[in-house]
Amino acid sequence: MQKRVLAVHDISCVGRCSLTVALPILSAAGINTSVIPTALLSTHTGEFTGYTHLDLSDQLLPIARHLSTLGLGFDAIYTGYLASGSQTQQVLDIIELLAVPQTHLFVDPAFADDGRLYSLLDDTMPAQMRRLCARAHTIVPNLTEAAFLLSQPYPGKTYSPAYVSGLAKALLAMGPQNVIITDVSFDSSQTGIAIIQQGMDEPSFTFTHRYPGTFHGTGDVFASFLLGALLRDMTLPDAADMALSLTHDSIALTLQENQPLRYGVQFERVTSRFLRELECRNRQESCK
């Protein structure tokens, strides 16, 4: 039976991020994706000015209540950018309305990067997001979000594996079954992820080449590939490795064509590979 996801994210009319990333990637994996938009923006908030922003807080629960009458049943609820800290409680209410016992609660905190909160959010966001992360099965914060969720300062560009390990274990102790911290780097030439699951003593690390520049929306790209792979029954380490590789290749293709980076990365060009590798793995074949 086809899997079904409910994606609770904002939508930007221009710029590859949030729902304009999640919908096509999950669809490429053969997953039926429904949405509850948290905000409507003309563009994302990175490298654009004059953008419009419509907070859709007054629509979240009415939409969810209507969906609850349809008897759908979701295999995953996937949350991303929330327009305010107060939306966190609404998302928890949505989970109560629409989750079933087997629903995978997948949370991308999506509130900060590079040591700063996103421009439209205030200092209450980390504490509010902590409540949602504690309820989740899987969380995928970047390094800034991981620190802020634990009320710690951003460590800057220099930190140790032991520091990241401490973050990962502390986040796991909050309640999720799986923690993946993105934007981890111990060498300026590399970037990667730290993965820890319940039952592991220490996280594992996976790295790939780092390209210079700022790549908007890549957290959404990574998280969407990851969830799609998990819902196609891949293990967390394999799914995370695939998601990292696909995100890396999306960046490389964008740079090769000298595309303006503020519009996001060309994930569309790797979705066919994503589906091909999922099908090969399901048949327990090698795609190499």
C-alpha atoms as a PDB file:
ATOM      1  CA  MET A   1       0.000   0.000   0.000  1.00  0.00           C
ATOM      2  CA  GLN A   2       1.236   3.484  -0.841  1.00  0.00           C
ATOM      3  CA  LYS A   3       2.683   5.378   2.117  1.00  0.00           C
ATOM      4  CA  ARG A   4       1.152   8.707   3.145  1.00  0.00           C
ATOM      5  CA  VAL A   5       2.919  11.694   4.771  1.00  0.00           C
ATOM      6  CA  LEU A   6       1.541  14.901   6.216  1.00  0.00           C
ATOM      7  CA  ALA A   7       4.071  17.727   5.758  1.00  0.00           C
ATOM      8  CA  VAL A   8       3.638  20.711   8.092  1.00  0.00           C
ATOM      9  CA  HIS A   9       5.967  23.387   6.669  1.00  0.00           C
ATOM     10  CA  ASP A  10       5.880  26.882   5.242  1.00  0.00           C
ATOM     11  CA  ILE A  11       5.732  27.488   1.508  1.00  0.00           C
ATOM     12  CA  SER A  12       7.845  30.032  -0.367  1.00  0.00           C
ATOM     13  CA  CYS A  13       6.622  31.018  -3.825  1.00  0.00           C
ATOM     14  CA  VAL A  14      10.230  31.321  -5.051  1.00  0.00           C
ATOM     15  CA  GLY A  15      13.274  29.551  -3.627  1.00  0.00           C
ATOM     16  CA  ARG A  16      13.759  25.827  -3.154  1.00  0.00           C
ATOM     17  CA  CYS A  17      12.950  25.094   0.491  1.00  0.00           C
ATOM     18  CA  SER A  18      10.260  23.712   2.765  1.00  0.00           C
ATOM     19  CA  LEU A  19       7.170  22.450   0.898  1.00  0.00           C
ATOM     20  CA  THR A  20       8.563  23.143  -2.571  1.00  0.00           C
ATOM     21  CA  VAL A  21      11.331  20.685  -1.645  1.00  0.00           C
ATOM     22  CA  ALA A  22       9.424  18.180   0.478  1.00  0.00           C
ATOM     23  CA  LEU A  23       6.570  17.600  -1.971  1.00  0.00           C
ATOM     24  CA  PRO A  24       8.610  16.690  -5.077  1.00  0.00           C
ATOM     25  CA  ILE A  25      11.189  14.621  -3.197  1.00  0.00           C
ATOM     26  CA  LEU A  26       8.639  12.556  -1.306  1.00  0.00           C
ATOM     27  CA  SER A  27       6.574  12.175  -4.472  1.00  0.00           C
ATOM     28  CA  ALA A  28       9.654  10.889  -6.288  1.00  0.00           C
ATOM     29  CA  ALA A  29       9.873   8.178  -3.621  1.00  0.00           C
ATOM     30  CA  GLY A  30       6.305   7.146  -4.431  1.00  0.00           C
ATOM     31  CA  ILE A  31       4.859   8.659  -1.253  1.00  0.00           C
ATOM     32  CA  ASN A  32       1.479  10.395  -1.184  1.00  0.00           C
ATOM     33  CA  THR A  33       2.107  13.737   0.525  1.00  0.00           C
ATOM     34  CA  SER A  34      -0.550  15.956   2.078  1.00  0.00           C
ATOM     35  CA  VAL A  35       0.294  19.389   3.482  1.00  0.00           C
ATOM     36  CA  ILE A  36      -0.636  21.866   6.176  1.00  0.00           C
ATOM     37  CA  PRO A  37       1.201  25.139   5.387  1.00  0.00           C
ATOM     38  CA  THR A  38       2.404  27.118   8.404  1.00  0.00           C
ATOM     39  CA  ALA A  39       3.143  30.347   6.535  1.00  0.00           C
ATOM     40  CA  LEU A  40       3.108  31.744   3.000  1.00  0.00           C
ATOM     41  CA  LEU A  41       6.115  33.753   1.824  1.00  0.00           C
ATOM     42  CA  SER A  42       6.854  35.324  -1.547  1.00  0.00           C
ATOM     43  CA  THR A  43      10.466  34.114  -1.224  1.00  0.00           C
ATOM     44  CA  HIS A  44      12.484  32.483   1.519  1.00  0.00           C
ATOM     45  CA  THR A  45      14.192  34.865   3.925  1.00  0.00           C
ATOM     46  CA  GLY A  46      17.820  34.261   2.932  1.00  0.00           C
ATOM     47  CA  GLU A  47      19.428  36.758   0.519  1.00  0.00           C
ATOM     48  CA  PHE A  48      16.069  38.291  -0.406  1.00  0.00           C
ATOM     49  CA  THR A  49      14.589  41.548   0.850  1.00  0.00           C
ATOM     50  CA  GLY A  50      11.063  42.917   0.640  1.00  0.00           C
ATOM     51  CA  TYR A  51       9.491  39.465   0.885  1.00  0.00           C
ATOM     52  CA  THR A  52       5.911  39.017   2.026  1.00  0.00           C
ATOM     53  CA  HIS A  53       5.061  36.797   5.000  1.00  0.00           C
ATOM     54  CA  LEU A  54       1.602  35.552   5.928  1.00  0.00           C
ATOM     55  CA  ASP A  55       1.354  33.661   9.226  1.00  0.00           C
ATOM     56  CA  LEU A  56      -1.239  30.904   8.803  1.00  0.00           C
ATOM     57  CA  SER A  57      -1.660  30.101  12.499  1.00  0.00           C
ATOM     58  CA  ASP A  58      -5.406  30.647  12.300  1.00  0.00           C
ATOM     59  CA  GLN A  59      -5.683  27.940   9.625  1.00  0.00           C
ATOM     60  CA  LEU A  60      -3.655  25.076  11.107  1.00  0.00           C
ATOM     61  CA  LEU A  61      -6.217  23.541  13.436  1.00  0.00           C
ATOM     62  CA  PRO A  62      -9.253  24.114  11.172  1.00  0.00           C
ATOM     63  CA  ILE A  63      -7.399  22.271   8.388  1.00  0.00           C
ATOM     64  CA  ALA A  64      -6.362  19.481  10.757  1.00  0.00           C
ATOM     65  CA  ARG A  65      -9.881  19.103  12.130  1.00  0.00           C
ATOM     66  CA  HIS A  66     -11.255  18.740   8.625  1.00  0.00           C
ATOM     67  CA  LEU A  67      -8.568  16.203   7.700  1.00  0.00           C
ATOM     68  CA  SER A  68      -9.438  14.221  10.825  1.00  0.00           C
ATOM     69  CA  THR A  69     -12.909  13.579   9.380  1.00  0.00           C
ATOM     70  CA  LEU A  70     -11.470  11.899   6.278  1.00  0.00           C
ATOM     71  CA  GLY A  71     -10.093   8.768   7.952  1.00  0.00           C
ATOM     72  CA  LEU A  72      -6.768   9.025   6.172  1.00  0.00           C
ATOM     73  CA  GLY A  73      -4.127   7.693   8.593  1.00  0.00           C
ATOM     74  CA  PHE A  74      -0.590   8.986   8.057  1.00  0.00           C
ATOM     75  CA  ASP A  75       2.575   6.877   8.024  1.00  0.00           C
ATOM     76  CA  ALA A  76       4.580   9.981   8.970  1.00  0.00           C
ATOM     77  CA  ILE A  77       4.003  13.534  10.087  1.00  0.00           C
ATOM     78  CA  TYR A  78       6.910  15.681   8.916  1.00  0.00           C
ATOM     79  CA  THR A  79       7.309  19.103  10.490  1.00  0.00           C
ATOM     80  CA  GLY A  80       9.649  21.868   9.409  1.00  0.00           C
ATOM     81  CA  TYR A  81       9.656  25.656   9.673  1.00  0.00           C
ATOM     82  CA  LEU A  82       7.029  27.042  12.046  1.00  0.00           C
ATOM     83  CA  ALA A  83       6.085  30.698  11.835  1.00  0.00           C
ATOM     84  CA  SER A  84       6.266  31.221  15.602  1.00  0.00           C
ATOM     85  CA  GLY A  85       6.920  29.444  18.862  1.00  0.00           C
ATOM     86  CA  SER A  86       3.191  29.367  19.560  1.00  0.00           C
ATOM     87  CA  GLN A  87       2.654  27.197  16.471  1.00  0.00           C
ATOM     88  CA  THR A  88       4.478  24.408  18.297  1.00  0.00           C
ATOM     89  CA  GLN A  89       1.455  23.761  20.491  1.00  0.00           C
ATOM     90  CA  GLN A  90      -0.762  23.744  17.426  1.00  0.00           C
ATOM     91  CA  VAL A  91       1.477  21.132  15.817  1.00  0.00           C
ATOM     92  CA  LEU A  92       1.265  19.015  18.972  1.00  0.00           C
ATOM     93  CA  ASP A  93      -2.531  19.336  18.722  1.00  0.00           C
ATOM     94  CA  ILE A  94      -2.361  18.298  15.052  1.00  0.00           C
ATOM     95  CA  ILE A  95      -0.417  15.208  16.076  1.00  0.00           C
ATOM     96  CA  GLU A  96      -3.123  14.332  18.608  1.00  0.00           C
ATOM     97  CA  LEU A  97      -5.768  14.719  15.921  1.00  0.00           C
ATOM     98  CA  LEU A  98      -4.091  12.941  13.032  1.00  0.00           C
ATOM     99  CA  ALA A  99      -1.381  10.556  14.253  1.00  0.00           C
ATOM    100  CA  VAL A 100      -2.078   6.850  14.693  1.00  0.00           C
ATOM    101  CA  PRO A 101       0.098   4.521  16.794  1.00  0.00           C
ATOM    102  CA  GLN A 102       2.397   3.657  13.871  1.00  0.00           C
ATOM    103  CA  THR A 103       2.844   7.251  12.647  1.00  0.00           C
ATOM    104  CA  HIS A 104       6.495   8.261  12.453  1.00  0.00           C
ATOM    105  CA  LEU A 105       6.894  11.761  13.890  1.00  0.00           C
ATOM    106  CA  PHE A 106       9.760  13.339  11.962  1.00  0.00           C
ATOM    107  CA  VAL A 107      10.874  16.814  13.087  1.00  0.00           C
ATOM    108  CA  ASP A 108      13.247  19.146  11.292  1.00  0.00           C
ATOM    109  CA  PRO A 109      13.491  21.992  13.844  1.00  0.00           C
ATOM    110  CA  ALA A 110      14.271  24.594  11.122  1.00  0.00           C
ATOM    111  CA  PHE A 111      14.626  27.673  13.301  1.00  0.00           C
ATOM    112  CA  ALA A 112      18.317  28.690  13.211  1.00  0.00           C
ATOM    113  CA  ASP A 113      21.605  28.377  11.351  1.00  0.00           C
ATOM    114  CA  ASP A 114      25.179  29.652  11.581  1.00  0.00           C
ATOM    115  CA  GLY A 115      24.729  30.709  15.196  1.00  0.00           C
ATOM    116  CA  ARG A 116      21.566  32.798  14.651  1.00  0.00           C
ATOM    117  CA  LEU A 117      17.804  32.368  14.823  1.00  0.00           C
ATOM    118  CA  TYR A 118      15.985  32.876  11.527  1.00  0.00           C
ATOM    119  CA  SER A 119      15.016  36.498  11.040  1.00  0.00           C
ATOM    120  CA  LEU A 120      11.285  36.233  11.776  1.00  0.00           C
ATOM    121  CA  LEU A 121      11.627  34.180  14.975  1.00  0.00           C
ATOM    122  CA  ASP A 122      12.184  35.238  18.576  1.00  0.00           C
ATOM    123  CA  ASP A 123      14.108  33.829  21.526  1.00  0.00           C
ATOM    124  CA  THR A 124      11.192  31.687  22.733  1.00  0.00           C
ATOM    125  CA  MET A 125      11.503  29.389  19.717  1.00  0.00           C
ATOM    126  CA  PRO A 126      14.153  26.930  20.990  1.00  0.00           C
ATOM    127  CA  ALA A 127      12.259  26.155  24.206  1.00  0.00           C
ATOM    128  CA  GLN A 128       8.999  25.713  22.314  1.00  0.00           C
ATOM    129  CA  MET A 129      10.638  23.519  19.672  1.00  0.00           C
ATOM    130  CA  ARG A 130      12.176  21.392  22.435  1.00  0.00           C
ATOM    131  CA  ARG A 131       8.664  20.205  23.340  1.00  0.00           C
ATOM    132  CA  LEU A 132       8.034  19.015  19.803  1.00  0.00           C
ATOM    133  CA  CYS A 133      11.436  17.328  19.494  1.00  0.00           C
ATOM    134  CA  ALA A 134      10.816  15.438  22.741  1.00  0.00           C
ATOM    135  CA  ARG A 135       7.689  13.935  21.166  1.00  0.00           C
ATOM    136  CA  ALA A 136       9.367  12.986  17.886  1.00  0.00           C
ATOM    137  CA  HIS A 137      10.691   9.646  16.675  1.00  0.00           C
ATOM    138  CA  THR A 138      13.380  11.289  14.532  1.00  0.00           C
ATOM    139  CA  ILE A 139      14.879  14.791  14.719  1.00  0.00           C
ATOM    140  CA  VAL A 140      17.322  16.392  12.272  1.00  0.00           C
ATOM    141  CA  PRO A 141      18.675  19.630  13.759  1.00  0.00           C
ATOM    142  CA  ASN A 142      21.696  21.362  12.328  1.00  0.00           C
ATOM    143  CA  LEU A 143      24.561  22.148  14.699  1.00  0.00           C
ATOM    144  CA  THR A 144      23.161  25.568  15.666  1.00  0.00           C
ATOM    145  CA  GLU A 145      19.719  24.144  16.386  1.00  0.00           C
ATOM    146  CA  ALA A 146      21.201  21.260  18.369  1.00  0.00           C
ATOM    147  CA  ALA A 147      23.049  23.693  20.641  1.00  0.00           C
ATOM    148  CA  PHE A 148      20.075  26.039  21.030  1.00  0.00           C
ATOM    149  CA  LEU A 149      17.686  23.158  21.795  1.00  0.00           C
ATOM    150  CA  LEU A 150      19.959  22.336  24.725  1.00  0.00           C
ATOM    151  CA  SER A 151      20.232  25.996  25.841  1.00  0.00           C
ATOM    152  CA  GLN A 152      23.898  26.041  24.859  1.00  0.00           C
ATOM    153  CA  PRO A 153      25.723  28.753  22.904  1.00  0.00           C
ATOM    154  CA  TYR A 154      26.681  28.132  19.320  1.00  0.00           C
ATOM    155  CA  PRO A 155      30.252  26.746  19.391  1.00  0.00           C
ATOM    156  CA  GLY A 156      31.461  28.573  16.306  1.00  0.00           C
ATOM    157  CA  LYS A 157      33.526  26.840  13.634  1.00  0.00           C
ATOM    158  CA  THR A 158      35.912  24.984  15.938  1.00  0.00           C
ATOM    159  CA  TYR A 159      34.724  22.132  18.152  1.00  0.00           C
ATOM    160  CA  SER A 160      35.621  18.525  18.841  1.00  0.00           C
ATOM    161  CA  PRO A 161      33.991  15.162  18.110  1.00  0.00           C
ATOM    162  CA  ALA A 162      33.451  14.866  21.864  1.00  0.00           C
ATOM    163  CA  TYR A 163      31.443  18.106  21.825  1.00  0.00           C
ATOM    164  CA  VAL A 164      29.146  16.867  19.037  1.00  0.00           C
ATOM    165  CA  SER A 165      28.840  13.495  20.758  1.00  0.00           C
ATOM    166  CA  GLY A 166      27.679  15.276  23.906  1.00  0.00           C
ATOM    167  CA  LEU A 167      25.060  17.206  21.949  1.00  0.00           C
ATOM    168  CA  ALA A 168      23.796  14.065  20.224  1.00  0.00           C
ATOM    169  CA  LYS A 169      23.489  12.092  23.455  1.00  0.00           C
ATOM    170  CA  ALA A 170      21.766  14.969  25.259  1.00  0.00           C
ATOM    171  CA  LEU A 171      19.258  15.349  22.421  1.00  0.00           C
ATOM    172  CA  LEU A 172      18.590  11.614  22.477  1.00  0.00           C
ATOM    173  CA  ALA A 173      17.915  11.843  26.212  1.00  0.00           C
ATOM    174  CA  MET A 174      15.138  14.354  25.467  1.00  0.00           C
ATOM    175  CA  GLY A 175      13.017  11.539  24.045  1.00  0.00           C
ATOM    176  CA  PRO A 176      13.467  10.886  20.308  1.00  0.00           C
ATOM    177  CA  GLN A 177      14.521   7.475  19.044  1.00  0.00           C
ATOM    178  CA  ASN A 178      16.846   8.870  16.363  1.00  0.00           C
ATOM    179  CA  VAL A 179      18.968  12.019  16.217  1.00  0.00           C
ATOM    180  CA  ILE A 180      20.830  13.215  13.126  1.00  0.00           C
ATOM    181  CA  ILE A 181      22.842  16.422  13.531  1.00  0.00           C
ATOM    182  CA  THR A 182      23.704  18.077  10.222  1.00  0.00           C
ATOM    183  CA  ASP A 183      26.362  20.631   9.267  1.00  0.00           C
ATOM    184  CA  VAL A 184      29.021  18.879  11.352  1.00  0.00           C
ATOM    185  CA  SER A 185      32.607  19.631  10.379  1.00  0.00           C
ATOM    186  CA  PHE A 186      35.971  19.001  12.002  1.00  0.00           C
ATOM    187  CA  ASP A 187      37.878  20.050   8.865  1.00  0.00           C
ATOM    188  CA  SER A 188      37.116  23.029   6.620  1.00  0.00           C
ATOM    189  CA  SER A 189      37.248  20.764   3.567  1.00  0.00           C
ATOM    190  CA  GLN A 190      34.481  18.466   4.819  1.00  0.00           C
ATOM    191  CA  THR A 191      30.911  18.595   6.073  1.00  0.00           C
ATOM    192  CA  GLY A 192      28.753  15.818   7.370  1.00  0.00           C
ATOM    193  CA  ILE A 193      26.356  14.373   9.890  1.00  0.00           C
ATOM    194  CA  ALA A 194      26.345  12.719  13.297  1.00  0.00           C
ATOM    195  CA  ILE A 195      23.865   9.883  13.829  1.00  0.00           C
ATOM    196  CA  ILE A 196      22.760   8.334  17.101  1.00  0.00           C
ATOM    197  CA  GLN A 197      19.887   6.000  17.921  1.00  0.00           C
ATOM    198  CA  GLN A 198      18.485   4.684  21.157  1.00  0.00           C
ATOM    199  CA  GLY A 199      20.805   1.898  22.302  1.00  0.00           C
ATOM    200  CA  MET A 200      23.972   3.441  20.843  1.00  0.00           C
ATOM    201  CA  ASP A 201      26.681   4.632  23.226  1.00  0.00           C
ATOM    202  CA  GLU A 202      28.261   7.069  20.776  1.00  0.00           C
ATOM    203  CA  PRO A 203      27.194   8.648  17.489  1.00  0.00           C
ATOM    204  CA  SER A 204      28.598   7.621  14.133  1.00  0.00           C
ATOM    205  CA  PHE A 205      29.874  10.253  11.692  1.00  0.00           C
ATOM    206  CA  THR A 206      29.665  10.466   7.901  1.00  0.00           C
ATOM    207  CA  PHE A 207      31.371  13.171   5.854  1.00  0.00           C
ATOM    208  CA  THR A 208      31.487  14.466   2.310  1.00  0.00           C
ATOM    209  CA  HIS A 209      33.318  17.249   0.487  1.00  0.00           C
ATOM    210  CA  ARG A 210      32.383  20.799   1.511  1.00  0.00           C
ATOM    211  CA  TYR A 211      31.836  23.359  -1.234  1.00  0.00           C
ATOM    212  CA  PRO A 212      32.406  27.028  -0.359  1.00  0.00           C
ATOM    213  CA  GLY A 213      29.255  29.128  -0.203  1.00  0.00           C
ATOM    214  CA  THR A 214      25.851  29.293   1.448  1.00  0.00           C
ATOM    215  CA  PHE A 215      23.313  26.821   0.119  1.00  0.00           C
ATOM    216  CA  HIS A 216      19.768  27.711   1.112  1.00  0.00           C
ATOM    217  CA  GLY A 217      17.270  24.906   1.633  1.00  0.00           C
ATOM    218  CA  THR A 218      19.790  22.072   1.809  1.00  0.00           C
ATOM    219  CA  GLY A 219      18.555  21.120   5.280  1.00  0.00           C
ATOM    220  CA  ASP A 220      15.097  20.587   3.783  1.00  0.00           C
ATOM    221  CA  VAL A 221      16.589  18.665   0.864  1.00  0.00           C
ATOM    222  CA  PHE A 222      18.544  16.366   3.184  1.00  0.00           C
ATOM    223  CA  ALA A 223      15.618  15.793   5.555  1.00  0.00           C
ATOM    224  CA  SER A 224      13.191  15.043   2.729  1.00  0.00           C
ATOM    225  CA  PHE A 225      15.512  12.521   1.077  1.00  0.00           C
ATOM    226  CA  LEU A 226      16.087  10.966   4.498  1.00  0.00           C
ATOM    227  CA  LEU A 227      12.403  10.585   5.335  1.00  0.00           C
ATOM    228  CA  GLY A 228      11.612   9.261   1.878  1.00  0.00           C
ATOM    229  CA  ALA A 229      14.279   6.580   2.257  1.00  0.00           C
ATOM    230  CA  LEU A 230      13.119   5.660   5.762  1.00  0.00           C
ATOM    231  CA  LEU A 231       9.562   5.218   4.533  1.00  0.00           C
ATOM    232  CA  ARG A 232      10.906   2.923   1.822  1.00  0.00           C
ATOM    233  CA  ASP A 233      12.226   0.728   4.658  1.00  0.00           C
ATOM    234  CA  MET A 234      15.895   1.670   4.576  1.00  0.00           C
ATOM    235  CA  THR A 235      17.847   1.603   7.830  1.00  0.00           C
ATOM    236  CA  LEU A 236      18.648   4.967   9.387  1.00  0.00           C
ATOM    237  CA  PRO A 237      22.420   4.800   8.626  1.00  0.00           C
ATOM    238  CA  ASP A 238      21.820   3.805   4.995  1.00  0.00           C
ATOM    239  CA  ALA A 239      19.065   6.391   4.543  1.00  0.00           C
ATOM    240  CA  ALA A 240      21.220   9.149   6.042  1.00  0.00           C
ATOM    241  CA  ASP A 241      24.198   8.185   3.869  1.00  0.00           C
ATOM    242  CA  MET A 242      22.034   8.299   0.736  1.00  0.00           C
ATOM    243  CA  ALA A 243      20.464  11.637   1.749  1.00  0.00           C
ATOM    244  CA  LEU A 244      23.882  13.188   2.361  1.00  0.00           C
ATOM    245  CA  SER A 245      25.195  11.975  -1.003  1.00  0.00           C
ATOM    246  CA  LEU A 246      22.145  13.250  -2.902  1.00  0.00           C
ATOM    247  CA  THR A 247      22.306  16.637  -1.191  1.00  0.00           C
ATOM    248  CA  HIS A 248      26.028  16.896  -1.978  1.00  0.00           C
ATOM    249  CA  ASP A 249      25.373  16.111  -5.630  1.00  0.00           C
ATOM    250  CA  SER A 250      22.546  18.681  -5.762  1.00  0.00           C
ATOM    251  CA  ILE A 251      25.019  21.343  -4.639  1.00  0.00           C
ATOM    252  CA  ALA A 252      27.670  20.183  -7.128  1.00  0.00           C
ATOM    253  CA  LEU A 253      25.256  20.321 -10.072  1.00  0.00           C
ATOM    254  CA  THR A 254      24.112  23.805  -9.097  1.00  0.00           C
ATOM    255  CA  LEU A 255      27.696  25.050  -8.934  1.00  0.00           C
ATOM    256  CA  GLN A 256      28.577  23.431 -12.255  1.00  0.00           C
ATOM    257  CA  GLU A 257      25.903  25.488 -13.987  1.00  0.00           C
ATOM    258  CA  ASN A 258      26.856  28.655 -12.111  1.00  0.00           C
ATOM    259  CA  GLN A 259      23.274  29.089 -10.915  1.00  0.00           C
ATOM    260  CA  PRO A 260      22.369  31.889  -8.433  1.00  0.00           C
ATOM    261  CA  LEU A 261      22.633  30.237  -5.049  1.00  0.00           C
ATOM    262  CA  ARG A 262      19.837  32.199  -3.418  1.00  0.00           C
ATOM    263  CA  TYR A 263      17.305  30.180  -5.427  1.00  0.00           C
ATOM    264  CA  GLY A 264      18.392  26.933  -3.804  1.00  0.00           C
ATOM    265  CA  VAL A 265      20.043  23.801  -5.148  1.00  0.00           C
ATOM    266  CA  GLN A 266      19.064  21.640  -8.104  1.00  0.00           C
ATOM    267  CA  PHE A 267      17.705  18.666  -6.194  1.00  0.00           C
ATOM    268  CA  GLU A 268      15.364  17.965  -9.129  1.00  0.00           C
ATOM    269  CA  ARG A 269      18.306  16.623 -11.105  1.00  0.00           C
ATOM    270  CA  VAL A 270      19.022  13.837  -8.597  1.00  0.00           C
ATOM    271  CA  THR A 271      15.479  12.628  -7.880  1.00  0.00           C
ATOM    272  CA  SER A 272      15.670  10.046 -10.678  1.00  0.00           C
ATOM    273  CA  ARG A 273      18.816   8.641  -9.060  1.00  0.00           C
ATOM    274  CA  PHE A 274      17.021   8.662  -5.696  1.00  0.00           C
ATOM    275  CA  LEU A 275      14.185   6.526  -7.038  1.00  0.00           C
ATOM    276  CA  ARG A 276      16.575   4.206  -8.912  1.00  0.00           C
ATOM    277  CA  GLU A 277      18.638   3.566  -5.774  1.00  0.00           C
ATOM    278  CA  LEU A 278      15.523   2.968  -3.670  1.00  0.00           C
ATOM    279  CA  GLU A 279      14.284   0.395  -6.162  1.00  0.00           C
ATOM    280  CA  CYS A 280      17.687  -1.309  -6.343  1.00  0.00           C
ATOM    281  CA  ARG A 281      17.908  -1.529  -2.554  1.00  0.00           C
ATOM    282  CA  ASN A 282      14.388  -2.929  -2.340  1.00  0.00           C
ATOM    283  CA  ARG A 283      15.493  -5.665  -4.741  1.00  0.00           C
ATOM    284  CA  GLN A 284      18.709  -6.012  -2.713  1.00  0.00           C
ATOM    285  CA  GLU A 285      20.742  -5.174  -5.804  1.00  0.00           C
ATOM    286  CA  SER A 286      23.661  -2.814  -6.283  1.00  0.00           C
ATOM    287  CA  CYS A 287      23.083   0.283  -8.418  1.00  0.00           C
ATOM    288  CA  LYS A 288      26.792   0.925  -8.837  1.00  0.00           C
END
